Structures are given as C-alpha cells and as structure tokens.
PDB file of N, CA and C in Angstrom:
ATOM      1  N   MET A   1     -26.733 -32.392 -11.329  1.00  0.00           N
ATOM      2  CA  MET A   1     -25.579 -31.556 -11.562  1.00  0.00           C
ATOM      3  C   MET A   1     -25.559 -30.438 -10.522  1.00  0.00           C
ATOM      4  N   ALA A   2     -24.412 -30.237  -9.909  1.00  0.00           N
ATOM      5  CA  ALA A   2     -24.276 -29.212  -8.876  1.00  0.00           C
ATOM      6  C   ALA A   2     -24.226 -27.826  -9.506  1.00  0.00           C
ATOM      7  N   LYS A   3     -24.797 -26.894  -8.787  1.00  0.00           N
ATOM      8  CA  LYS A   3     -24.801 -25.517  -9.273  1.00  0.00           C
ATOM      9  C   LYS A   3     -23.470 -24.853  -8.892  1.00  0.00           C
ATOM     10  N   SER A   4     -22.818 -24.305  -9.875  1.00  0.00           N
ATOM     11  CA  SER A   4     -21.529 -23.675  -9.593  1.00  0.00           C
ATOM     12  C   SER A   4     -21.735 -22.242  -9.114  1.00  0.00           C
ATOM     13  N   GLY A   5     -20.703 -21.698  -8.484  1.00  0.00           N
ATOM     14  CA  GLY A   5     -20.754 -20.328  -7.980  1.00  0.00           C
ATOM     15  C   GLY A   5     -20.655 -19.324  -9.111  1.00  0.00           C
ATOM     16  N   LYS A   6     -20.572 -18.070  -8.732  1.00  0.00           N
ATOM     17  CA  LYS A   6     -20.457 -17.012  -9.728  1.00  0.00           C
ATOM     18  C   LYS A   6     -19.162 -17.151 -10.508  1.00  0.00           C
ATOM     19  N   LYS A   7     -19.263 -16.865 -11.780  1.00  0.00           N
ATOM     20  CA  LYS A   7     -18.067 -16.884 -12.601  1.00  0.00           C
ATOM     21  C   LYS A   7     -17.412 -15.512 -12.496  1.00  0.00           C
ATOM     22  N   GLY A   8     -16.145 -15.497 -12.208  1.00  0.00           N
ATOM     23  CA  GLY A   8     -15.450 -14.220 -12.081  1.00  0.00           C
ATOM     24  C   GLY A   8     -13.965 -14.397 -12.287  1.00  0.00           C
ATOM     25  N   ARG A   9     -13.301 -13.316 -12.513  1.00  0.00           N
ATOM     26  CA  ARG A   9     -11.861 -13.372 -12.733  1.00  0.00           C
ATOM     27  C   ARG A   9     -11.126 -13.387 -11.395  1.00  0.00           C
ATOM     28  N   LYS A  10     -10.042 -14.163 -11.349  1.00  0.00           N
ATOM     29  CA  LYS A  10      -9.236 -14.252 -10.146  1.00  0.00           C
ATOM     30  C   LYS A  10      -7.863 -13.618 -10.338  1.00  0.00           C
ATOM     31  N   THR A  11      -7.615 -13.076 -11.505  1.00  0.00           N
ATOM     32  CA  THR A  11      -6.266 -12.626 -11.820  1.00  0.00           C
ATOM     33  C   THR A  11      -5.895 -11.302 -11.167  1.00  0.00           C
ATOM     34  N   ARG A  12      -6.857 -10.470 -10.855  1.00  0.00           N
ATOM     35  CA  ARG A  12      -6.634  -9.143 -10.284  1.00  0.00           C
ATOM     36  C   ARG A  12      -5.720  -8.322 -11.188  1.00  0.00           C
ATOM     37  N   SER A  13      -4.897  -7.452 -10.611  1.00  0.00           N
ATOM     38  CA  SER A  13      -4.097  -6.539 -11.431  1.00  0.00           C
ATOM     39  C   SER A  13      -2.972  -7.247 -12.175  1.00  0.00           C
ATOM     40  N   ALA A  14      -2.545  -8.412 -11.702  1.00  0.00           N
ATOM     41  CA  ALA A  14      -1.445  -9.135 -12.343  1.00  0.00           C
ATOM     42  C   ALA A  14      -1.919  -9.936 -13.549  1.00  0.00           C
ATOM     43  N   GLY A  15      -3.193  -9.822 -13.898  1.00  0.00           N
ATOM     44  CA  GLY A  15      -3.711 -10.524 -15.064  1.00  0.00           C
ATOM     45  C   GLY A  15      -3.095 -10.040 -16.358  1.00  0.00           C
ATOM     46  N   ARG A  16      -2.509  -8.855 -16.324  1.00  0.00           N
ATOM     47  CA  ARG A  16      -1.874  -8.317 -17.529  1.00  0.00           C
ATOM     48  C   ARG A  16      -0.655  -9.128 -17.945  1.00  0.00           C
ATOM     49  N   PHE A  17      -0.113  -9.945 -17.025  1.00  0.00           N
ATOM     50  CA  PHE A  17       1.054 -10.765 -17.346  1.00  0.00           C
ATOM     51  C   PHE A  17       0.682 -12.063 -18.050  1.00  0.00           C
ATOM     52  N   GLY A  18      -0.609 -12.400 -18.042  1.00  0.00           N
ATOM     53  CA  GLY A  18      -1.049 -13.643 -18.671  1.00  0.00           C
ATOM     54  C   GLY A  18      -0.458 -14.841 -17.938  1.00  0.00           C
ATOM     55  N   PRO A  19      -0.006 -15.864 -18.673  1.00  0.00           N
ATOM     56  CA  PRO A  19       0.550 -17.053 -18.017  1.00  0.00           C
ATOM     57  C   PRO A  19       2.033 -16.915 -17.649  1.00  0.00           C
ATOM     58  N   ARG A  20       2.622 -15.774 -17.912  1.00  0.00           N
ATOM     59  CA  ARG A  20       4.061 -15.612 -17.668  1.00  0.00           C
ATOM     60  C   ARG A  20       4.386 -15.421 -16.187  1.00  0.00           C
ATOM     61  N   TYR A  21       5.591 -15.744 -15.804  1.00  0.00           N
ATOM     62  CA  TYR A  21       6.218 -15.504 -14.498  1.00  0.00           C
ATOM     63  C   TYR A  21       5.749 -16.417 -13.375  1.00  0.00           C
ATOM     64  N   GLY A  22       4.731 -17.210 -13.552  1.00  0.00           N
ATOM     65  CA  GLY A  22       4.299 -18.147 -12.515  1.00  0.00           C
ATOM     66  C   GLY A  22       3.231 -17.568 -11.600  1.00  0.00           C
ATOM     67  N   ARG A  23       2.470 -18.461 -11.008  1.00  0.00           N
ATOM     68  CA  ARG A  23       1.326 -18.070 -10.185  1.00  0.00           C
ATOM     69  C   ARG A  23       1.750 -17.319  -8.928  1.00  0.00           C
ATOM     70  N   LYS A  24       2.810 -17.799  -8.267  1.00  0.00           N
ATOM     71  CA  LYS A  24       3.238 -17.200  -7.006  1.00  0.00           C
ATOM     72  C   LYS A  24       3.694 -15.748  -7.201  1.00  0.00           C
ATOM     73  N   VAL A  25       4.497 -15.509  -8.214  1.00  0.00           N
ATOM     74  CA  VAL A  25       4.990 -14.155  -8.477  1.00  0.00           C
ATOM     75  C   VAL A  25       3.833 -13.228  -8.820  1.00  0.00           C
ATOM     76  N   ARG A  26       2.888 -13.702  -9.643  1.00  0.00           N
ATOM     77  CA  ARG A  26       1.738 -12.870 -10.008  1.00  0.00           C
ATOM     78  C   ARG A  26       0.877 -12.555  -8.789  1.00  0.00           C
ATOM     79  N   LYS A  27       0.747 -13.513  -7.866  1.00  0.00           N
ATOM     80  CA  LYS A  27      -0.036 -13.294  -6.650  1.00  0.00           C
ATOM     81  C   LYS A  27       0.634 -12.246  -5.766  1.00  0.00           C
ATOM     82  N   ILE A  28       1.952 -12.324  -5.627  1.00  0.00           N
ATOM     83  CA  ILE A  28       2.691 -11.349  -4.824  1.00  0.00           C
ATOM     84  C   ILE A  28       2.550  -9.948  -5.420  1.00  0.00           C
ATOM     85  N   VAL A  29       2.688  -9.846  -6.738  1.00  0.00           N
ATOM     86  CA  VAL A  29       2.549  -8.554  -7.423  1.00  0.00           C
ATOM     87  C   VAL A  29       1.147  -7.994  -7.209  1.00  0.00           C
ATOM     88  N   ALA A  30       0.128  -8.838  -7.340  1.00  0.00           N
ATOM     89  CA  ALA A  30      -1.257  -8.388  -7.160  1.00  0.00           C
ATOM     90  C   ALA A  30      -1.490  -7.913  -5.728  1.00  0.00           C
ATOM     91  N   ASP A  31      -0.938  -8.628  -4.734  1.00  0.00           N
ATOM     92  CA  ASP A  31      -1.089  -8.224  -3.333  1.00  0.00           C
ATOM     93  C   ASP A  31      -0.432  -6.869  -3.072  1.00  0.00           C
ATOM     94  N   ILE A  32       0.788  -6.688  -3.598  1.00  0.00           N
ATOM     95  CA  ILE A  32       1.509  -5.429  -3.404  1.00  0.00           C
ATOM     96  C   ILE A  32       0.762  -4.275  -4.065  1.00  0.00           C
ATOM     97  N   GLU A  33       0.286  -4.488  -5.293  1.00  0.00           N
ATOM     98  CA  GLU A  33      -0.414  -3.417  -6.003  1.00  0.00           C
ATOM     99  C   GLU A  33      -1.739  -3.069  -5.340  1.00  0.00           C
ATOM    100  N   GLU A  34      -2.417  -4.064  -4.789  1.00  0.00           N
ATOM    101  CA  GLU A  34      -3.676  -3.808  -4.083  1.00  0.00           C
ATOM    102  C   GLU A  34      -3.418  -2.963  -2.835  1.00  0.00           C
ATOM    103  N   LEU A  35      -2.352  -3.295  -2.103  1.00  0.00           N
ATOM    104  CA  LEU A  35      -1.981  -2.539  -0.911  1.00  0.00           C
ATOM    105  C   LEU A  35      -1.571  -1.114  -1.280  1.00  0.00           C
ATOM    106  N   MET A  36      -0.817  -0.981  -2.366  1.00  0.00           N
ATOM    107  CA  MET A  36      -0.314   0.317  -2.803  1.00  0.00           C
ATOM    108  C   MET A  36      -1.452   1.245  -3.239  1.00  0.00           C
ATOM    109  N   ARG A  37      -2.462   0.699  -3.895  1.00  0.00           N
ATOM    110  CA  ARG A  37      -3.548   1.518  -4.436  1.00  0.00           C
ATOM    111  C   ARG A  37      -4.693   1.751  -3.458  1.00  0.00           C
ATOM    112  N   SER A  38      -4.628   1.137  -2.273  1.00  0.00           N
ATOM    113  CA  SER A  38      -5.694   1.330  -1.296  1.00  0.00           C
ATOM    114  C   SER A  38      -5.596   2.734  -0.689  1.00  0.00           C
ATOM    115  N   ALA A  39      -6.627   3.133   0.045  1.00  0.00           N
ATOM    116  CA  ALA A  39      -6.650   4.462   0.662  1.00  0.00           C
ATOM    117  C   ALA A  39      -5.684   4.492   1.842  1.00  0.00           C
ATOM    118  N   HIS A  40      -4.859   5.533   1.887  1.00  0.00           N
ATOM    119  CA  HIS A  40      -3.894   5.684   2.966  1.00  0.00           C
ATOM    120  C   HIS A  40      -4.193   6.962   3.733  1.00  0.00           C
ATOM    121  N   GLU A  41      -3.895   6.928   5.036  1.00  0.00           N
ATOM    122  CA  GLU A  41      -4.183   8.063   5.901  1.00  0.00           C
ATOM    123  C   GLU A  41      -3.015   9.047   5.903  1.00  0.00           C
ATOM    124  N   CYS A  42      -3.346  10.317   5.822  1.00  0.00           N
ATOM    125  CA  CYS A  42      -2.336  11.379   5.843  1.00  0.00           C
ATOM    126  C   CYS A  42      -1.800  11.539   7.263  1.00  0.00           C
ATOM    127  N   GLN A  43      -0.490  11.720   7.390  1.00  0.00           N
ATOM    128  CA  GLN A  43       0.138  11.881   8.700  1.00  0.00           C
ATOM    129  C   GLN A  43      -0.154  13.252   9.296  1.00  0.00           C
ATOM    130  N   GLN A  44      -0.443  14.235   8.457  1.00  0.00           N
ATOM    131  CA  GLN A  44      -0.656  15.602   8.934  1.00  0.00           C
ATOM    132  C   GLN A  44      -2.132  15.893   9.223  1.00  0.00           C
ATOM    133  N   CYS A  45      -3.011  15.641   8.254  1.00  0.00           N
ATOM    134  CA  CYS A  45      -4.422  16.016   8.437  1.00  0.00           C
ATOM    135  C   CYS A  45      -5.317  14.840   8.840  1.00  0.00           C
ATOM    136  N   GLY A  46      -4.844  13.607   8.688  1.00  0.00           N
ATOM    137  CA  GLY A  46      -5.603  12.445   9.126  1.00  0.00           C
ATOM    138  C   GLY A  46      -6.640  11.932   8.143  1.00  0.00           C
ATOM    139  N   SER A  47      -6.786  12.565   6.988  1.00  0.00           N
ATOM    140  CA  SER A  47      -7.775  12.103   6.012  1.00  0.00           C
ATOM    141  C   SER A  47      -7.197  10.975   5.160  1.00  0.00           C
ATOM    142  N   LYS A  48      -8.068  10.177   4.597  1.00  0.00           N
ATOM    143  CA  LYS A  48      -7.630   9.059   3.758  1.00  0.00           C
ATOM    144  C   LYS A  48      -7.564   9.512   2.305  1.00  0.00           C
ATOM    145  N   SER A  49      -6.646  10.425   2.042  1.00  0.00           N
ATOM    146  CA  SER A  49      -6.553  10.987   0.697  1.00  0.00           C
ATOM    147  C   SER A  49      -5.112  11.028   0.190  1.00  0.00           C
ATOM    148  N   VAL A  50      -4.301  10.075   0.628  1.00  0.00           N
ATOM    149  CA  VAL A  50      -2.901  10.025   0.206  1.00  0.00           C
ATOM    150  C   VAL A  50      -2.780   9.106  -0.996  1.00  0.00           C
ATOM    151  N   SER A  51      -2.111   9.584  -2.029  1.00  0.00           N
ATOM    152  CA  SER A  51      -1.894   8.765  -3.220  1.00  0.00           C
ATOM    153  C   SER A  51      -0.417   8.780  -3.585  1.00  0.00           C
ATOM    154  N   ARG A  52       0.004   7.775  -4.307  1.00  0.00           N
ATOM    155  CA  ARG A  52       1.401   7.614  -4.691  1.00  0.00           C
ATOM    156  C   ARG A  52       1.685   8.408  -5.958  1.00  0.00           C
ATOM    157  N   VAL A  53       2.727   9.230  -5.911  1.00  0.00           N
ATOM    158  CA  VAL A  53       3.138  10.026  -7.062  1.00  0.00           C
ATOM    159  C   VAL A  53       4.206   9.278  -7.844  1.00  0.00           C
ATOM    160  N   GLY A  54       5.161   8.730  -7.142  1.00  0.00           N
ATOM    161  CA  GLY A  54       6.254   7.978  -7.753  1.00  0.00           C
ATOM    162  C   GLY A  54       6.825   7.038  -6.714  1.00  0.00           C
ATOM    163  N   THR A  55       7.966   6.443  -7.011  1.00  0.00           N
ATOM    164  CA  THR A  55       8.587   5.504  -6.090  1.00  0.00           C
ATOM    165  C   THR A  55       8.971   6.217  -4.799  1.00  0.00           C
ATOM    166  N   GLY A  56       8.251   5.929  -3.723  1.00  0.00           N
ATOM    167  CA  GLY A  56       8.545   6.515  -2.424  1.00  0.00           C
ATOM    168  C   GLY A  56       8.064   7.940  -2.239  1.00  0.00           C
ATOM    169  N   ILE A  57       7.323   8.495  -3.191  1.00  0.00           N
ATOM    170  CA  ILE A  57       6.812   9.866  -3.088  1.00  0.00           C
ATOM    171  C   ILE A  57       5.292   9.810  -2.965  1.00  0.00           C
ATOM    172  N   TRP A  58       4.767  10.423  -1.910  1.00  0.00           N
ATOM    173  CA  TRP A  58       3.343  10.378  -1.608  1.00  0.00           C
ATOM    174  C   TRP A  58       2.794  11.793  -1.485  1.00  0.00           C
ATOM    175  N   HIS A  59       1.513  11.964  -1.848  1.00  0.00           N
ATOM    176  CA  HIS A  59       0.893  13.290  -1.863  1.00  0.00           C
ATOM    177  C   HIS A  59      -0.517  13.204  -1.297  1.00  0.00           C
ATOM    178  N   CYS A  60      -0.826  14.112  -0.359  1.00  0.00           N
ATOM    179  CA  CYS A  60      -2.180  14.207   0.194  1.00  0.00           C
ATOM    180  C   CYS A  60      -2.945  15.230  -0.631  1.00  0.00           C
ATOM    181  N   SER A  61      -4.058  14.812  -1.201  1.00  0.00           N
ATOM    182  CA  SER A  61      -4.831  15.717  -2.052  1.00  0.00           C
ATOM    183  C   SER A  61      -5.651  16.718  -1.238  1.00  0.00           C
ATOM    184  N   LYS A  62      -5.805  16.474   0.064  1.00  0.00           N
ATOM    185  CA  LYS A  62      -6.590  17.394   0.887  1.00  0.00           C
ATOM    186  C   LYS A  62      -5.735  18.547   1.424  1.00  0.00           C
ATOM    187  N   CYS A  63      -4.636  18.221   2.102  1.00  0.00           N
ATOM    188  CA  CYS A  63      -3.808  19.285   2.693  1.00  0.00           C
ATOM    189  C   CYS A  63      -2.606  19.642   1.818  1.00  0.00           C
ATOM    190  N   LYS A  64      -2.474  18.982   0.673  1.00  0.00           N
ATOM    191  CA  LYS A  64      -1.422  19.256  -0.322  1.00  0.00           C
ATOM    192  C   LYS A  64      -0.006  18.972   0.177  1.00  0.00           C
ATOM    193  N   LYS A  65       0.117  18.165   1.226  1.00  0.00           N
ATOM    194  CA  LYS A  65       1.445  17.828   1.736  1.00  0.00           C
ATOM    195  C   LYS A  65       2.051  16.733   0.864  1.00  0.00           C
ATOM    196  N   MET A  66       3.318  16.898   0.500  1.00  0.00           N
ATOM    197  CA  MET A  66       4.043  15.884  -0.250  1.00  0.00           C
ATOM    198  C   MET A  66       5.176  15.396   0.646  1.00  0.00           C
ATOM    199  N   PHE A  67       5.326  14.082   0.758  1.00  0.00           N
ATOM    200  CA  PHE A  67       6.343  13.548   1.652  1.00  0.00           C
ATOM    201  C   PHE A  67       6.920  12.257   1.096  1.00  0.00           C
ATOM    202  N   ALA A  68       8.070  11.890   1.641  1.00  0.00           N
ATOM    203  CA  ALA A  68       8.730  10.647   1.249  1.00  0.00           C
ATOM    204  C   ALA A  68       8.286   9.541   2.193  1.00  0.00           C
ATOM    205  N   GLY A  69       8.120   8.359   1.651  1.00  0.00           N
ATOM    206  CA  GLY A  69       7.714   7.220   2.452  1.00  0.00           C
ATOM    207  C   GLY A  69       8.281   5.956   1.857  1.00  0.00           C
ATOM    208  N   GLY A  70       7.596   4.858   2.086  1.00  0.00           N
ATOM    209  CA  GLY A  70       8.035   3.593   1.527  1.00  0.00           C
ATOM    210  C   GLY A  70       7.710   3.509   0.040  1.00  0.00           C
ATOM    211  N   THR A  71       8.232   2.496  -0.593  1.00  0.00           N
ATOM    212  CA  THR A  71       8.003   2.316  -2.021  1.00  0.00           C
ATOM    213  C   THR A  71       6.548   1.991  -2.320  1.00  0.00           C
ATOM    214  N   TYR A  72       5.945   1.124  -1.509  1.00  0.00           N
ATOM    215  CA  TYR A  72       4.579   0.675  -1.781  1.00  0.00           C
ATOM    216  C   TYR A  72       3.554   1.204  -0.793  1.00  0.00           C
ATOM    217  N   VAL A  73       3.976   1.634   0.384  1.00  0.00           N
ATOM    218  CA  VAL A  73       3.079   2.206   1.394  1.00  0.00           C
ATOM    219  C   VAL A  73       3.716   3.481   1.947  1.00  0.00           C
ATOM    220  N   PRO A  74       2.906   4.452   2.383  1.00  0.00           N
ATOM    221  CA  PRO A  74       3.478   5.713   2.860  1.00  0.00           C
ATOM    222  C   PRO A  74       4.399   5.562   4.070  1.00  0.00           C
ATOM    223  N   GLN A  75       4.066   4.652   4.966  1.00  0.00           N
ATOM    224  CA  GLN A  75       4.906   4.453   6.142  1.00  0.00           C
ATOM    225  C   GLN A  75       5.209   2.967   6.272  1.00  0.00           C
ATOM    226  N   THR A  76       6.488   2.626   6.254  1.00  0.00           N
ATOM    227  CA  THR A  76       6.913   1.237   6.314  1.00  0.00           C
ATOM    228  C   THR A  76       6.807   0.708   7.744  1.00  0.00           C
ATOM    229  N   PRO A  77       6.760  -0.614   7.918  1.00  0.00           N
ATOM    230  CA  PRO A  77       6.746  -1.180   9.271  1.00  0.00           C
ATOM    231  C   PRO A  77       7.970  -0.752  10.092  1.00  0.00           C
ATOM    232  N   MET A  78       9.122  -0.648   9.441  1.00  0.00           N
ATOM    233  CA  MET A  78      10.335  -0.207  10.135  1.00  0.00           C
ATOM    234  C   MET A  78      10.201   1.250  10.581  1.00  0.00           C
ATOM    235  N   GLY A  79       9.591   2.079   9.745  1.00  0.00           N
ATOM    236  CA  GLY A  79       9.367   3.479  10.101  1.00  0.00           C
ATOM    237  C   GLY A  79       8.424   3.623  11.283  1.00  0.00           C
ATOM    238  N   LYS A  80       7.377   2.795  11.327  1.00  0.00           N
ATOM    239  CA  LYS A  80       6.436   2.823  12.447  1.00  0.00           C
ATOM    240  C   LYS A  80       7.135   2.419  13.738  1.00  0.00           C
ATOM    241  N   SER A  81       7.988   1.394  13.651  1.00  0.00           N
ATOM    242  CA  SER A  81       8.749   0.936  14.808  1.00  0.00           C
ATOM    243  C   SER A  81       9.677   2.038  15.312  1.00  0.00           C
ATOM    244  N   PHE A  82      10.326   2.724  14.387  1.00  0.00           N
ATOM    245  CA  PHE A  82      11.226   3.819  14.751  1.00  0.00           C
ATOM    246  C   PHE A  82      10.466   4.949  15.431  1.00  0.00           C
ATOM    247  N   GLN A  83       9.279   5.286  14.934  1.00  0.00           N
ATOM    248  CA  GLN A  83       8.469   6.349  15.532  1.00  0.00           C
ATOM    249  C   GLN A  83       8.083   6.001  16.972  1.00  0.00           C
ATOM    250  N   ARG A  84       7.729   4.719  17.217  1.00  0.00           N
ATOM    251  CA  ARG A  84       7.388   4.286  18.576  1.00  0.00           C
ATOM    252  C   ARG A  84       8.594   4.409  19.500  1.00  0.00           C
ATOM    253  N   THR A  85       9.762   3.972  19.013  1.00  0.00           N
ATOM    254  CA  THR A  85      10.989   4.053  19.807  1.00  0.00           C
ATOM    255  C   THR A  85      11.334   5.501  20.116  1.00  0.00           C
ATOM    256  N   LEU A  86      11.214   6.364  19.130  1.00  0.00           N
ATOM    257  CA  LEU A  86      11.501   7.784  19.305  1.00  0.00           C
ATOM    258  C   LEU A  86      10.553   8.410  20.328  1.00  0.00           C
ATOM    259  N   ALA A  87       9.287   8.033  20.291  1.00  0.00           N
ATOM    260  CA  ALA A  87       8.306   8.557  21.245  1.00  0.00           C
ATOM    261  C   ALA A  87       8.644   8.113  22.668  1.00  0.00           C
ATOM    262  N   LYS A  88       9.093   6.858  22.836  1.00  0.00           N
ATOM    263  CA  LYS A  88       9.476   6.357  24.161  1.00  0.00           C
ATOM    264  C   LYS A  88      10.682   7.117  24.705  1.00  0.00           C
ATOM    265  N   VAL A  89      11.664   7.356  23.840  1.00  0.00           N
ATOM    266  CA  VAL A  89      12.871   8.070  24.257  1.00  0.00           C
ATOM    267  C   VAL A  89      12.532   9.494  24.673  1.00  0.00           C
ATOM    268  N   GLU A  90      11.680  10.168  23.904  1.00  0.00           N
ATOM    269  CA  GLU A  90      11.280  11.535  24.241  1.00  0.00           C
ATOM    270  C   GLU A  90      10.476  11.577  25.533  1.00  0.00           C
ATOM    271  N   GLU A  91       9.687  10.535  25.780  1.00  0.00           N
ATOM    272  CA  GLU A  91       8.869  10.461  26.981  1.00  0.00           C
ATOM    273  C   GLU A  91       9.744  10.295  28.224  1.00  0.00           C
ATOM    274  N   GLU A  92      10.793   9.478  28.110  1.00  0.00           N
ATOM    275  CA  GLU A  92      11.674   9.206  29.250  1.00  0.00           C
ATOM    276  C   GLU A  92      12.595  10.384  29.561  1.00  0.00           C
ATOM    277  N   GLY A  93      13.103  11.001  28.536  1.00  0.00           N
ATOM    278  CA  GLY A  93      14.137  12.017  28.779  1.00  0.00           C
ATOM    279  C   GLY A  93      13.746  13.316  28.344  1.00  0.00           C
TER     280      GLY A  93
END
C-alpha cells in the first residue's frame, strides 16, 4: 500500500461556502481574498503595513495615511500603468 501525503484542507477561505456555487467560483474567491489579505506596501512610507478598511479604502498602520485604491488591492494594474505613463510625460516635458 502506498503511503499517502499529509492530510490537509484545500478549501482555503472559500470553504465557508461548502459545496455551493461550484469549484471554479470558490477558487476565484479564495484567490482574490488571499491577494486582498496579503501584506501590501505603503506608497508613502514604503512599509508593508497597509490593510483594507472597506471597499477601495486602504490604511497604513505605520504612517496613518488613508487612501483610495482598488477594491481588492491598493493599486490596480491600470493605476500602475497610468503612473508609468504620467512619469514618462513629466520626464519628456
């Protein structure tokens, strides 16, 4: 008989839904929540102490700065792209 690996849960944060909504939806929800709850870097002080207060509202516990950002992450990919474009424009002109 083959030895099986460690027994562990695979449901992550979406396990609260049980068998409802389907595997794909639960996986997407778990991925988003994992990304949302991870440590984020503050734009002002650079420390990884930014936490989500509400939908699109973020707060740095170190420098006490509160700012608006994306729903699930403080800075969206579109926002990062815009910042790069803005920096190029300022550099040229």
